[in-house]
Amino acid sequence: MTNINIDGCILGTMIITGAKKLEKEKSNIDDLNVFPVPDGDTGTNMSLTLLSAAKAVKKLPSDAKLDEVAEAVAYGALMGARGNSGVILSQLLSGFAKALKGQSLMNAQILAEAFSTGVKDAYKAVVKPIEGTILTVAREASNMLSTIVNENLTIEEALNVFLKAGYNTLAKTPDMLPVLKQAGVVDAGGQGLLTAIEGMLFGLRGEEIDTKDTIKGFLTEDNNYSETINHKENLEFPYCTEFIIKEIKTDFNYNETKEFLVSVGDSVVLVEQGNLIKIHVHTNNPGKVLDYALGLGALTNIKIDNMSEQAEHKKVDIPLLKIGIITVSVGEGIDNIFKSLGVNYIITGGQTMNPSTEDILDAINQVNAEEIIILPNNKNIVLAAEQAVKLSKKPSKVVSTKSIPQGIAALMAFNGETDFAENIKKMHEAICYIKTGEVTYAIRDAIQGDLQIKKDQIMGIKEGKITYLSENLDDVVENIINQLIEDEEELITIYYGEEVSKEQAEKLLGYLSVKYDHIDFELHFGGQPLYYYLISAE
């Protein structure tokens, strides 16, 4: 290919093939995540972000101009951005679009300028940039391209320069971040970026990328999960049914599953995300859908809404609140706790299923309040929440809670009679007094500090750091609590997940209450997937 210049049509094709390549490789990129916890989703988040950009391109006319395509890409990526890696990718594309504004054709020099502007925007989005990440890879690759670019360089040659410099930098990321060297991996975000660029080269050359039918569905169907509520008499399929399938059986057939869903309802969305499948359908018989899905794997995050009842409720005027609260949650029990604490809108998400910027922005628009407080409850959702705030027309603020216990602590500090700024201050202060522990399992062998982790071992995590391993679940819980009560903690709250029975949790609580008789214990059903226990100490 000897393209000196490319137009909007070629750029759109490149974005689509970039998205396909990233989707195809996302599992391998997920495996590069340093922590062996069941929520390493850098590849999945970046893939969904770029798929959202590709979907925006698909909606454009075939003769769309170069800057129109770039603007659609930037907007689609921003709205679909998930996780820190997805937000950074969206900012790279946003800066890219700025440099193409008013341009009808792009040559290598303009491409180099676009990459440079994208890097600057991405750095602005991160409060404390760290060397050895996707930012470093993008910056060094962009700098190399800017250094050697000239008017005779083709677009293909320019992208190859970017890739060569990017991979040289990627290989050095373990030397920049000790945690990468210890795990024996390169940075997952940097790998994701270069994978997408490789896919763009396929599109430039007019080559296709073989992918599962999943991506075809994603690029042709409406994946907006917010419901348009019609009047009761107009709803042919009134039950909005959503759930996630994990532990998928090896004989899963995408087309057969989609045919079944279409046969029992409409508004079907079927998306694979890593080792999970998300299903959304409007139906008359949710039970039939769930019975079918049970044959495909284990179900979690089940949500069934009667849209007919919602339509009736919508006719009732909802009073305008002074301050509305949105929180990200996962698990039936955690949802109920948040509701009892006055949360106005719950976004289902968290580990493995980070909500997008658009999901959070939709939530802001749904809450009838003058001002909005958002609790992300996960460090990988904070950036997406902050992007949603920037896009919102309502005054909104993110209280950067990084765990469910921090979110609960922030809510306990909220006072509806106090003004917005004071509440933000008090909620931030409250999360400083909470220590968090988590108990989950290892998804692969790994090394963390002095710990030699084996696949399926039970891991205790204190304040985001893996600190204890055992084959015995109760042993891990006790050890993490020992670590959490090193100061003058008076209350330990334990939230047990969907894989722990009430009897098992109560037996453990009885033992802990006797051993630590100077501390008050509370036990709640959380229902969270993947994590056996969430623990807070205060």
Protein backbone atom coordinates (compact mmCIF):
# COMPACT_ATOMS: atom_id res chain seq x y z
CA MET A 1 0.00 0.00 0.00
CA THR A 2 1.46 3.36 -0.99
CA ASN A 3 -1.06 5.70 0.62
CA ILE A 4 0.40 9.18 0.96
CA ASN A 5 -3.07 10.44 1.93
CA ILE A 6 -6.16 8.73 3.32
CA ASP A 7 -9.75 9.93 3.49
CA GLY A 8 -12.63 9.39 5.91
CA CYS A 9 -13.68 6.09 4.34
CA ILE A 10 -10.24 4.53 4.80
CA LEU A 11 -9.89 5.88 8.35
CA GLY A 12 -13.28 4.39 9.24
CA THR A 13 -12.22 1.02 7.85
CA MET A 14 -9.00 1.20 9.85
CA ILE A 15 -10.88 1.85 13.09
CA ILE A 16 -13.19 -1.09 12.47
CA THR A 17 -10.35 -3.51 11.75
CA GLY A 18 -8.46 -2.11 14.74
CA ALA A 19 -11.47 -2.93 16.90
CA LYS A 20 -11.68 -6.42 15.44
CA LYS A 21 -8.01 -7.12 16.08
CA LEU A 22 -8.29 -5.91 19.65
CA GLU A 23 -11.42 -7.97 20.24
CA LYS A 24 -9.66 -11.03 18.89
CA GLU A 25 -6.65 -10.57 21.18
CA LYS A 26 -8.41 -9.22 24.28
CA SER A 27 -8.11 -12.43 26.32
CA ASN A 28 -4.35 -12.54 25.77
CA ILE A 29 -4.12 -8.92 26.87
CA ASP A 30 -6.28 -9.62 29.92
CA ASP A 31 -3.75 -12.30 30.88
CA LEU A 32 -1.03 -9.65 31.11
CA ASN A 33 -2.69 -8.02 34.10
CA VAL A 34 -0.28 -8.18 37.01
CA PHE A 35 -2.67 -9.28 39.76
CA PRO A 36 -3.96 -12.87 39.32
CA VAL A 37 -7.43 -11.85 40.57
CA PRO A 38 -10.59 -12.69 38.57
CA ASP A 39 -11.06 -9.12 37.39
CA GLY A 40 -8.04 -8.52 35.14
CA ASP A 41 -9.85 -6.89 32.27
CA THR A 42 -7.56 -4.39 30.51
CA GLY A 43 -7.98 -6.08 27.14
CA THR A 44 -11.74 -6.42 27.53
CA ASN A 45 -12.15 -2.80 28.57
CA MET A 46 -10.03 -1.49 25.69
CA SER A 47 -11.84 -3.75 23.24
CA LEU A 48 -15.28 -2.55 24.32
CA THR A 49 -14.10 1.06 24.14
CA LEU A 50 -12.82 0.71 20.58
CA LEU A 51 -15.86 -1.34 19.56
CA SER A 52 -18.00 1.59 20.67
CA ALA A 53 -15.91 3.85 18.42
CA ALA A 54 -16.28 1.40 15.52
CA LYS A 55 -20.02 1.27 16.10
CA ALA A 56 -20.16 5.07 15.79
CA VAL A 57 -18.31 4.82 12.46
CA LYS A 58 -20.83 2.26 11.22
CA LYS A 59 -23.61 4.82 11.66
CA LEU A 60 -21.95 7.36 9.37
CA PRO A 61 -22.67 7.64 5.62
CA SER A 62 -20.07 6.01 3.39
CA ASP A 63 -18.94 9.41 2.09
CA ALA A 64 -18.35 10.95 5.54
CA LYS A 65 -15.40 13.34 5.61
CA LEU A 66 -12.18 12.59 7.43
CA ASP A 67 -12.80 14.95 10.34
CA GLU A 68 -16.40 13.70 10.67
CA VAL A 69 -15.14 10.13 11.00
CA ALA A 70 -12.49 11.18 13.53
CA GLU A 71 -15.08 13.08 15.57
CA ALA A 72 -17.46 10.09 15.56
CA VAL A 73 -14.60 7.82 16.65
CA ALA A 74 -13.69 10.14 19.51
CA TYR A 75 -17.30 10.46 20.68
CA GLY A 76 -17.98 6.72 20.41
CA ALA A 77 -14.83 5.86 22.32
CA LEU A 78 -15.56 8.43 25.01
CA MET A 79 -19.10 7.19 25.59
CA GLY A 80 -18.03 3.55 25.53
CA ALA A 81 -14.88 4.03 27.63
CA ARG A 82 -14.55 1.42 30.38
CA GLY A 83 -11.84 1.14 32.98
CA ASN A 84 -8.73 3.26 33.22
CA SER A 85 -7.22 1.76 30.08
CA GLY A 86 -10.40 2.43 28.09
CA VAL A 87 -10.59 6.04 29.26
CA ILE A 88 -6.93 6.63 28.32
CA LEU A 89 -7.57 5.09 24.88
CA SER A 90 -10.60 7.35 24.44
CA GLN A 91 -8.49 10.40 25.29
CA LEU A 92 -5.85 9.38 22.75
CA LEU A 93 -8.60 9.25 20.14
CA SER A 94 -10.09 12.54 21.33
CA GLY A 95 -6.79 14.34 20.82
CA PHE A 96 -6.41 12.56 17.49
CA ALA A 97 -9.74 14.02 16.34
CA LYS A 98 -8.74 17.54 17.42
CA ALA A 99 -5.71 17.45 15.12
CA LEU A 100 -7.89 16.33 12.18
CA LYS A 101 -10.51 19.07 12.58
CA GLY A 102 -11.04 20.78 9.22
CA GLN A 103 -8.95 18.19 7.36
CA SER A 104 -10.33 16.25 4.39
CA LEU A 105 -7.21 14.10 3.88
CA MET A 106 -4.53 12.84 6.25
CA ASN A 107 -0.90 12.30 5.36
CA ALA A 108 1.91 11.00 7.57
CA GLN A 109 2.73 14.46 8.91
CA ILE A 110 -0.85 15.07 9.99
CA LEU A 111 -0.94 11.54 11.44
CA ALA A 112 2.14 12.31 13.53
CA GLU A 113 0.55 15.54 14.77
CA ALA A 114 -2.66 13.65 15.60
CA PHE A 115 -0.79 11.06 17.66
CA SER A 116 1.09 13.85 19.45
CA THR A 117 -2.12 15.70 20.33
CA GLY A 118 -3.71 12.43 21.48
CA VAL A 119 -0.82 11.75 23.85
CA LYS A 120 -1.13 15.22 25.37
CA ASP A 121 -4.86 14.74 25.98
CA ALA A 122 -4.31 11.30 27.49
CA TYR A 123 -1.75 12.63 29.94
CA LYS A 124 -4.18 15.35 31.00
CA ALA A 125 -6.76 12.70 31.92
CA VAL A 126 -4.46 11.00 34.45
CA VAL A 127 -3.74 12.81 37.71
CA LYS A 128 -0.51 10.93 38.46
CA PRO A 129 0.92 9.41 35.27
CA ILE A 130 3.17 6.39 35.87
CA GLU A 131 6.08 5.43 33.67
CA GLY A 132 5.88 1.96 32.15
CA THR A 133 2.22 2.13 31.15
CA ILE A 134 0.19 2.73 27.98
CA LEU A 135 0.99 6.44 28.33
CA THR A 136 4.73 5.79 28.08
CA VAL A 137 4.30 3.51 25.07
CA ALA A 138 2.10 6.04 23.26
CA ARG A 139 4.41 8.95 24.05
CA GLU A 140 7.64 7.28 22.94
CA ALA A 141 6.09 5.90 19.75
CA SER A 142 4.58 9.30 18.93
CA ASN A 143 7.86 11.09 19.60
CA MET A 144 9.77 8.75 17.28
CA LEU A 145 7.24 9.24 14.50
CA SER A 146 7.37 13.03 14.90
CA THR A 147 11.17 12.92 14.72
CA ILE A 148 11.47 11.11 11.39
CA VAL A 149 8.24 11.99 9.57
CA ASN A 150 8.50 13.76 6.21
CA GLU A 151 6.25 14.52 3.26
CA ASN A 152 7.34 11.39 1.38
CA LEU A 153 6.47 8.96 4.16
CA THR A 154 3.35 6.88 3.48
CA ILE A 155 0.66 6.24 6.10
CA GLU A 156 1.66 2.56 6.20
CA GLU A 157 5.29 3.43 6.75
CA ALA A 158 4.33 5.90 9.47
CA LEU A 159 2.23 3.33 11.32
CA ASN A 160 5.07 0.82 11.10
CA VAL A 161 7.42 3.42 12.62
CA PHE A 162 4.91 3.96 15.43
CA LEU A 163 4.60 0.21 16.01
CA LYS A 164 8.36 -0.45 15.99
CA ALA A 165 9.04 2.33 18.49
CA GLY A 166 6.02 1.29 20.53
CA TYR A 167 7.12 -2.33 20.81
CA ASN A 168 10.66 -1.27 21.69
CA THR A 169 9.23 0.79 24.54
CA LEU A 170 6.77 -1.94 25.54
CA ALA A 171 9.67 -4.37 25.95
CA LYS A 172 11.24 -1.93 28.41
CA THR A 173 8.13 -1.47 30.58
CA PRO A 174 9.18 -4.23 33.02
CA ASP A 175 12.34 -2.21 33.74
CA MET A 176 10.20 0.86 34.46
CA LEU A 177 7.67 -0.88 36.69
CA PRO A 178 9.14 -3.51 39.06
CA VAL A 179 5.74 -5.12 39.51
CA LEU A 180 5.72 -5.96 35.78
CA LYS A 181 9.20 -7.48 35.94
CA GLN A 182 8.27 -9.58 38.94
CA ALA A 183 5.17 -10.89 37.17
CA GLY A 184 7.16 -11.49 33.98
CA VAL A 185 4.82 -9.46 31.76
CA VAL A 186 4.79 -6.24 29.77
CA ASP A 187 2.19 -3.51 30.31
CA ALA A 188 -1.27 -4.71 29.26
CA GLY A 189 -2.50 -1.26 28.23
CA GLY A 190 0.52 -0.66 26.02
CA GLN A 191 0.03 -4.05 24.40
CA GLY A 192 -3.63 -3.24 23.80
CA LEU A 193 -2.79 0.04 22.08
CA LEU A 194 -0.26 -1.54 19.74
CA THR A 195 -2.64 -4.41 18.96
CA ALA A 196 -5.26 -1.87 17.87
CA ILE A 197 -2.70 -0.08 15.66
CA GLU A 198 -1.77 -3.42 14.08
CA GLY A 199 -5.45 -3.94 13.31
CA MET A 200 -5.62 -0.50 11.72
CA LEU A 201 -2.82 -1.53 9.37
CA PHE A 202 -4.99 -4.44 8.21
CA GLY A 203 -7.73 -2.00 7.30
CA LEU A 204 -5.30 0.30 5.51
CA ARG A 205 -4.11 -2.61 3.39
CA GLY A 206 -7.65 -3.71 2.64
CA GLU A 207 -7.22 -6.95 4.59
CA GLU A 208 -9.89 -8.52 6.79
CA ILE A 209 -9.59 -9.96 10.29
CA ASP A 210 -11.39 -13.19 11.19
CA THR A 211 -13.36 -12.82 14.40
CA LYS A 212 -16.25 -14.53 16.13
CA ASP A 213 -19.80 -13.60 15.24
CA THR A 214 -19.90 -11.76 18.56
CA ILE A 215 -18.21 -8.70 17.16
CA LYS A 216 -20.52 -8.66 14.16
CA GLY A 217 -23.46 -8.52 16.52
CA PHE A 218 -21.90 -5.75 18.55
CA LEU A 219 -21.25 -3.63 15.48
CA THR A 220 -24.76 -3.99 14.09
CA GLU A 221 -27.04 -3.98 17.13
CA ASP A 222 -28.01 -1.33 19.63
CA ASN A 223 -26.21 -2.08 22.89
CA ASN A 224 -27.73 0.75 24.92
CA TYR A 225 -29.16 -0.98 27.98
CA SER A 226 -31.25 1.98 29.13
CA GLU A 227 -34.91 1.25 28.48
CA THR A 228 -37.43 3.42 26.67
CA ILE A 229 -40.62 2.95 28.69
CA ASN A 230 -43.79 2.76 26.64
CA HIS A 231 -47.35 2.64 27.89
CA LYS A 232 -48.46 -0.71 29.27
CA GLU A 233 -50.81 -1.54 26.41
CA ASN A 234 -48.02 -1.10 23.82
CA LEU A 235 -45.56 -3.53 25.41
CA GLU A 236 -45.60 -6.88 23.62
CA PHE A 237 -42.72 -8.20 25.75
CA PRO A 238 -42.94 -6.44 29.13
CA TYR A 239 -40.14 -8.15 31.10
CA CYS A 240 -36.68 -6.65 30.64
CA THR A 241 -34.36 -9.54 31.51
CA GLU A 242 -30.59 -9.10 31.96
CA PHE A 243 -27.94 -11.40 33.39
CA ILE A 244 -24.37 -12.57 33.04
CA ILE A 245 -23.25 -16.13 32.32
CA LYS A 246 -19.92 -17.28 33.76
CA GLU A 247 -18.20 -20.67 33.76
CA ILE A 248 -19.35 -21.00 30.15
CA LYS A 249 -19.60 -24.50 28.76
CA THR A 250 -17.20 -25.29 25.95
CA ASP A 251 -20.01 -26.13 23.50
CA PHE A 252 -21.55 -22.65 23.68
CA ASN A 253 -22.90 -21.63 20.27
CA TYR A 254 -23.41 -17.90 19.74
CA ASN A 255 -25.81 -18.19 16.78
CA GLU A 256 -28.00 -20.85 18.41
CA THR A 257 -28.28 -18.80 21.58
CA LYS A 258 -29.18 -15.67 19.64
CA GLU A 259 -31.84 -17.58 17.64
CA PHE A 260 -33.40 -18.80 20.88
CA LEU A 261 -33.51 -15.31 22.38
CA VAL A 262 -35.09 -13.87 19.23
CA SER A 263 -37.72 -16.63 19.35
CA VAL A 264 -38.85 -15.65 22.88
CA GLY A 265 -38.60 -11.85 22.76
CA ASP A 266 -37.08 -8.75 21.23
CA SER A 267 -34.44 -6.07 21.96
CA VAL A 268 -31.90 -8.87 22.07
CA VAL A 269 -28.29 -8.07 22.94
CA LEU A 270 -25.77 -10.89 23.27
CA VAL A 271 -22.19 -9.86 23.99
CA GLU A 272 -19.14 -11.89 25.03
CA GLN A 273 -16.82 -10.04 27.42
CA GLY A 274 -13.73 -12.07 28.21
CA ASN A 275 -14.90 -15.31 29.82
CA LEU A 276 -18.38 -13.93 30.46
CA ILE A 277 -21.51 -13.52 28.35
CA LYS A 278 -23.96 -10.66 28.89
CA ILE A 279 -27.54 -11.19 27.77
CA HIS A 280 -30.32 -8.64 27.51
CA VAL A 281 -33.80 -9.47 26.17
CA HIS A 282 -37.40 -8.27 26.48
CA THR A 283 -39.66 -11.30 26.90
CA ASN A 284 -42.99 -12.59 28.19
CA ASN A 285 -41.31 -15.47 30.00
CA PRO A 286 -38.12 -14.63 31.95
CA GLY A 287 -38.16 -18.09 33.53
CA LYS A 288 -37.85 -19.78 30.16
CA VAL A 289 -34.88 -17.56 29.30
CA LEU A 290 -33.15 -18.32 32.61
CA ASP A 291 -33.77 -22.07 32.28
CA TYR A 292 -32.15 -22.02 28.85
CA ALA A 293 -29.21 -19.95 30.10
CA LEU A 294 -28.57 -22.34 32.99
CA GLY A 295 -27.68 -24.91 30.35
CA LEU A 296 -24.89 -22.62 29.17
CA GLY A 297 -23.19 -21.91 32.51
CA ALA A 298 -23.59 -20.31 35.94
CA LEU A 299 -25.79 -17.19 36.15
CA THR A 300 -25.06 -14.00 38.06
CA ASN A 301 -26.20 -10.35 38.16
CA ILE A 302 -29.76 -11.37 37.27
CA LYS A 303 -32.08 -8.41 36.82
CA ILE A 304 -35.73 -8.65 35.75
CA ASP A 305 -37.84 -5.49 35.46
CA ASN A 306 -41.54 -5.27 34.61
CA MET A 307 -41.55 -2.36 32.17
CA SER A 308 -45.34 -2.16 32.32
CA GLU A 309 -45.11 -1.30 36.02
CA GLN A 310 -42.25 1.08 35.31
CA ALA A 311 -44.43 2.85 32.77
CA GLU A 312 -47.16 3.29 35.37
CA HIS A 313 -44.65 4.61 37.91
CA LYS A 314 -43.22 6.98 35.34
CA LYS A 315 -46.59 8.70 35.08
CA VAL A 316 -46.17 9.79 38.69
CA ASP A 317 -44.25 13.01 39.12
CA ILE A 318 -40.95 12.41 40.94
CA PRO A 319 -40.04 15.31 43.23
CA LEU A 320 -36.85 17.19 42.43
CA LEU A 321 -34.13 16.27 44.91
CA LYS A 322 -31.52 18.70 46.13
CA ILE A 323 -28.76 16.07 45.92
CA GLY A 324 -28.99 12.72 44.16
CA ILE A 325 -26.59 9.82 44.73
CA ILE A 326 -25.47 7.28 42.13
CA THR A 327 -23.43 4.25 43.09
CA VAL A 328 -21.85 1.32 41.27
CA SER A 329 -22.73 -1.99 42.85
CA VAL A 330 -22.51 -5.70 42.26
CA GLY A 331 -24.57 -8.30 44.11
CA GLU A 332 -28.16 -8.38 45.32
CA GLY A 333 -27.27 -7.89 48.98
CA ILE A 334 -24.95 -4.95 48.29
CA ASP A 335 -27.68 -3.39 46.13
CA ASN A 336 -30.16 -3.61 49.00
CA ILE A 337 -27.70 -2.07 51.44
CA PHE A 338 -27.12 0.86 49.11
CA LYS A 339 -30.86 1.34 48.63
CA SER A 340 -31.41 1.35 52.38
CA LEU A 341 -28.78 4.10 52.69
CA GLY A 342 -30.67 6.35 50.30
CA VAL A 343 -28.96 5.75 46.95
CA ASN A 344 -31.14 7.02 44.10
CA TYR A 345 -29.64 5.05 41.22
CA ILE A 346 -27.58 1.85 41.14
CA ILE A 347 -25.36 0.97 38.18
CA THR A 348 -24.62 -2.74 38.00
CA GLY A 349 -20.91 -3.18 37.49
CA GLY A 350 -17.63 -3.45 39.32
CA GLN A 351 -15.23 -6.35 38.94
CA THR A 352 -15.02 -7.71 35.35
CA MET A 353 -17.93 -5.57 34.17
CA ASN A 354 -16.84 -1.95 34.46
CA PRO A 355 -19.63 0.44 33.41
CA SER A 356 -18.87 2.80 30.54
CA THR A 357 -18.83 6.57 30.57
CA GLU A 358 -22.18 6.47 28.79
CA ASP A 359 -23.67 4.16 31.44
CA ILE A 360 -22.71 6.65 34.14
CA LEU A 361 -23.88 9.66 32.12
CA ASP A 362 -27.24 7.94 31.53
CA ALA A 363 -27.55 7.41 35.28
CA ILE A 364 -26.89 11.11 35.93
CA ASN A 365 -29.64 12.03 33.47
CA GLN A 366 -32.06 9.56 35.08
CA VAL A 367 -31.80 11.04 38.58
CA ASN A 368 -34.14 13.99 39.12
CA ALA A 369 -31.83 16.09 41.28
CA GLU A 370 -30.19 19.49 41.17
CA GLU A 371 -26.74 18.07 41.95
CA ILE A 372 -25.31 14.57 41.72
CA ILE A 373 -22.76 12.60 43.75
CA ILE A 374 -21.21 9.51 42.13
CA LEU A 375 -19.60 6.66 44.06
CA PRO A 376 -17.60 4.41 41.66
CA ASN A 377 -16.54 1.93 44.39
CA ASN A 378 -13.73 0.58 42.22
CA LYS A 379 -10.40 2.18 41.28
CA ASN A 380 -10.91 1.12 37.66
CA ILE A 381 -14.18 3.05 37.35
CA VAL A 382 -13.06 6.41 38.77
CA LEU A 383 -11.74 7.78 35.46
CA ALA A 384 -14.90 6.83 33.55
CA ALA A 385 -17.00 8.51 36.25
CA GLU A 386 -14.91 11.67 36.00
CA GLN A 387 -15.37 11.71 32.22
CA ALA A 388 -19.13 11.40 32.68
CA VAL A 389 -19.07 14.37 35.07
CA LYS A 390 -17.30 16.48 32.44
CA LEU A 391 -19.99 15.62 29.91
CA SER A 392 -22.93 16.14 32.27
CA LYS A 393 -25.05 19.29 32.16
CA LYS A 394 -25.90 18.79 35.84
CA PRO A 395 -23.46 19.82 38.57
CA SER A 396 -21.89 16.48 39.52
CA LYS A 397 -18.94 15.29 41.58
CA VAL A 398 -17.13 11.98 41.98
CA VAL A 399 -16.25 10.83 45.48
CA SER A 400 -13.40 8.50 44.50
CA THR A 401 -14.41 5.43 46.50
CA LYS A 402 -12.33 2.42 45.45
CA SER A 403 -14.23 -0.38 47.18
CA ILE A 404 -17.76 -1.28 48.27
CA PRO A 405 -16.93 -0.69 51.98
CA GLN A 406 -15.61 2.78 51.12
CA GLY A 407 -18.84 3.50 49.25
CA ILE A 408 -20.90 2.46 52.27
CA ALA A 409 -18.75 4.60 54.58
CA ALA A 410 -19.21 7.60 52.30
CA LEU A 411 -22.99 7.13 52.35
CA MET A 412 -23.00 6.93 56.14
CA ALA A 413 -21.37 10.36 56.17
CA PHE A 414 -23.93 11.89 53.81
CA ASN A 415 -26.39 14.39 55.29
CA GLY A 416 -29.33 15.46 53.16
CA GLU A 417 -29.67 18.68 55.16
CA THR A 418 -26.08 19.77 54.38
CA ASP A 419 -25.02 21.54 51.21
CA PHE A 420 -23.31 19.84 48.28
CA ALA A 421 -19.72 20.97 48.94
CA GLU A 422 -19.87 20.05 52.63
CA ASN A 423 -21.20 16.58 51.82
CA ILE A 424 -18.42 15.97 49.31
CA LYS A 425 -15.87 16.98 51.95
CA LYS A 426 -17.38 14.77 54.67
CA MET A 427 -17.70 11.77 52.36
CA HIS A 428 -14.06 12.05 51.30
CA GLU A 429 -13.03 12.25 54.94
CA ALA A 430 -15.11 9.17 55.81
CA ILE A 431 -13.40 6.90 53.33
CA CYS A 432 -10.00 7.74 54.86
CA TYR A 433 -11.02 5.92 58.06
CA ILE A 434 -11.96 2.68 56.31
CA LYS A 435 -9.59 -0.22 55.77
CA THR A 436 -10.65 -2.79 53.21
CA GLY A 437 -9.96 -6.50 52.89
CA GLU A 438 -10.99 -8.85 50.10
CA VAL A 439 -10.95 -12.62 49.76
CA THR A 440 -10.96 -14.21 46.33
CA TYR A 441 -9.11 -16.87 44.31
CA ALA A 442 -6.15 -16.83 41.93
CA ILE A 443 -6.95 -17.26 38.25
CA ARG A 444 -3.35 -18.21 37.35
CA ASP A 445 0.10 -18.85 38.79
CA ALA A 446 1.93 -15.63 39.68
CA ILE A 447 4.55 -14.04 41.90
CA GLN A 448 3.66 -11.08 44.11
CA GLY A 449 6.46 -9.87 46.35
CA ASP A 450 7.55 -12.90 48.36
CA LEU A 451 4.37 -14.82 47.56
CA GLN A 452 4.41 -17.74 45.11
CA ILE A 453 0.79 -17.86 44.01
CA LYS A 454 -0.75 -20.99 42.51
CA LYS A 455 -3.88 -21.09 40.36
CA ASP A 456 -7.10 -21.51 42.41
CA GLN A 457 -5.40 -20.67 45.72
CA ILE A 458 -7.49 -18.50 48.01
CA MET A 459 -5.98 -15.04 48.36
CA GLY A 460 -6.36 -12.41 51.05
CA ILE A 461 -6.04 -8.83 49.82
CA LYS A 462 -5.45 -5.90 52.15
CA GLU A 463 -5.90 -2.40 50.75
CA GLY A 464 -5.40 -3.65 47.19
CA LYS A 465 -2.29 -5.74 47.93
CA ILE A 466 -2.19 -9.54 48.04
CA THR A 467 -0.85 -10.39 51.48
CA TYR A 468 -1.86 -13.96 52.34
CA LEU A 469 -2.46 -17.32 50.64
CA SER A 470 -4.07 -20.53 51.83
CA GLU A 471 -6.16 -23.47 50.70
CA ASN A 472 -8.58 -22.76 53.56
CA LEU A 473 -11.13 -19.97 53.13
CA ASP A 474 -11.74 -19.26 56.83
CA ASP A 475 -8.00 -19.19 57.45
CA VAL A 476 -7.61 -16.39 54.88
CA VAL A 477 -10.45 -14.36 56.38
CA GLU A 478 -8.97 -14.63 59.88
CA ASN A 479 -5.51 -13.60 58.65
CA ILE A 480 -6.83 -10.54 56.79
CA ILE A 481 -8.78 -9.45 59.86
CA ASN A 482 -5.59 -9.83 61.90
CA GLN A 483 -3.90 -7.45 59.49
CA LEU A 484 -6.78 -4.96 59.51
CA ILE A 485 -6.94 -4.55 63.31
CA GLU A 486 -3.36 -3.42 63.78
CA ASP A 487 -4.50 -0.06 65.17
CA GLU A 488 -7.57 0.72 67.30
CA GLU A 489 -10.35 -0.63 65.08
CA GLU A 490 -13.66 -1.12 66.87
CA LEU A 491 -15.92 -2.52 64.15
CA ILE A 492 -15.41 -5.22 61.52
CA THR A 493 -18.10 -5.58 58.85
CA ILE A 494 -18.15 -8.70 56.68
CA TYR A 495 -20.10 -9.03 53.41
CA TYR A 496 -20.33 -12.61 52.15
CA GLY A 497 -20.61 -13.36 48.46
CA GLU A 498 -22.83 -15.52 46.31
CA GLU A 499 -20.59 -18.58 46.64
CA VAL A 500 -20.70 -18.56 50.46
CA SER A 501 -23.73 -19.96 52.29
CA LYS A 502 -25.39 -18.10 55.16
CA GLU A 503 -24.62 -20.99 57.50
CA GLN A 504 -20.94 -20.98 56.52
CA ALA A 505 -20.67 -17.22 57.06
CA GLU A 506 -22.50 -17.31 60.42
CA LYS A 507 -20.26 -20.12 61.67
CA LEU A 508 -17.19 -18.08 60.78
CA LEU A 509 -18.67 -15.01 62.47
CA GLY A 510 -19.25 -16.96 65.66
CA TYR A 511 -15.62 -18.06 65.77
CA LEU A 512 -14.30 -14.55 65.06
CA SER A 513 -16.56 -12.94 67.66
CA VAL A 514 -15.14 -15.21 70.36
CA LYS A 515 -11.53 -14.78 69.31
CA TYR A 516 -11.76 -10.99 68.98
CA ASP A 517 -14.18 -10.31 71.84
CA HIS A 518 -13.04 -6.68 72.10
CA ILE A 519 -14.31 -5.90 68.58
CA ASP A 520 -17.87 -5.60 67.31
CA PHE A 521 -18.71 -7.66 64.23
CA GLU A 522 -21.47 -7.19 61.66
CA LEU A 523 -22.36 -9.75 58.98
CA HIS A 524 -24.31 -8.92 55.81
CA PHE A 525 -25.24 -10.82 52.68
CA GLY A 526 -23.49 -9.09 49.80
CA GLY A 527 -24.16 -11.55 47.01
CA GLN A 528 -21.12 -10.31 45.09
CA PRO A 529 -19.65 -12.69 42.49
CA LEU A 530 -15.98 -13.74 42.38
CA TYR A 531 -15.13 -12.40 45.86
CA TYR A 532 -15.99 -14.74 48.75
CA TYR A 533 -15.82 -11.93 51.30
CA LEU A 534 -15.48 -8.16 51.40
CA ILE A 535 -14.31 -6.88 54.78
CA SER A 536 -14.13 -3.39 56.25
CA ALA A 537 -12.48 -2.23 59.47
CA GLU A 538 -13.09 1.10 61.18
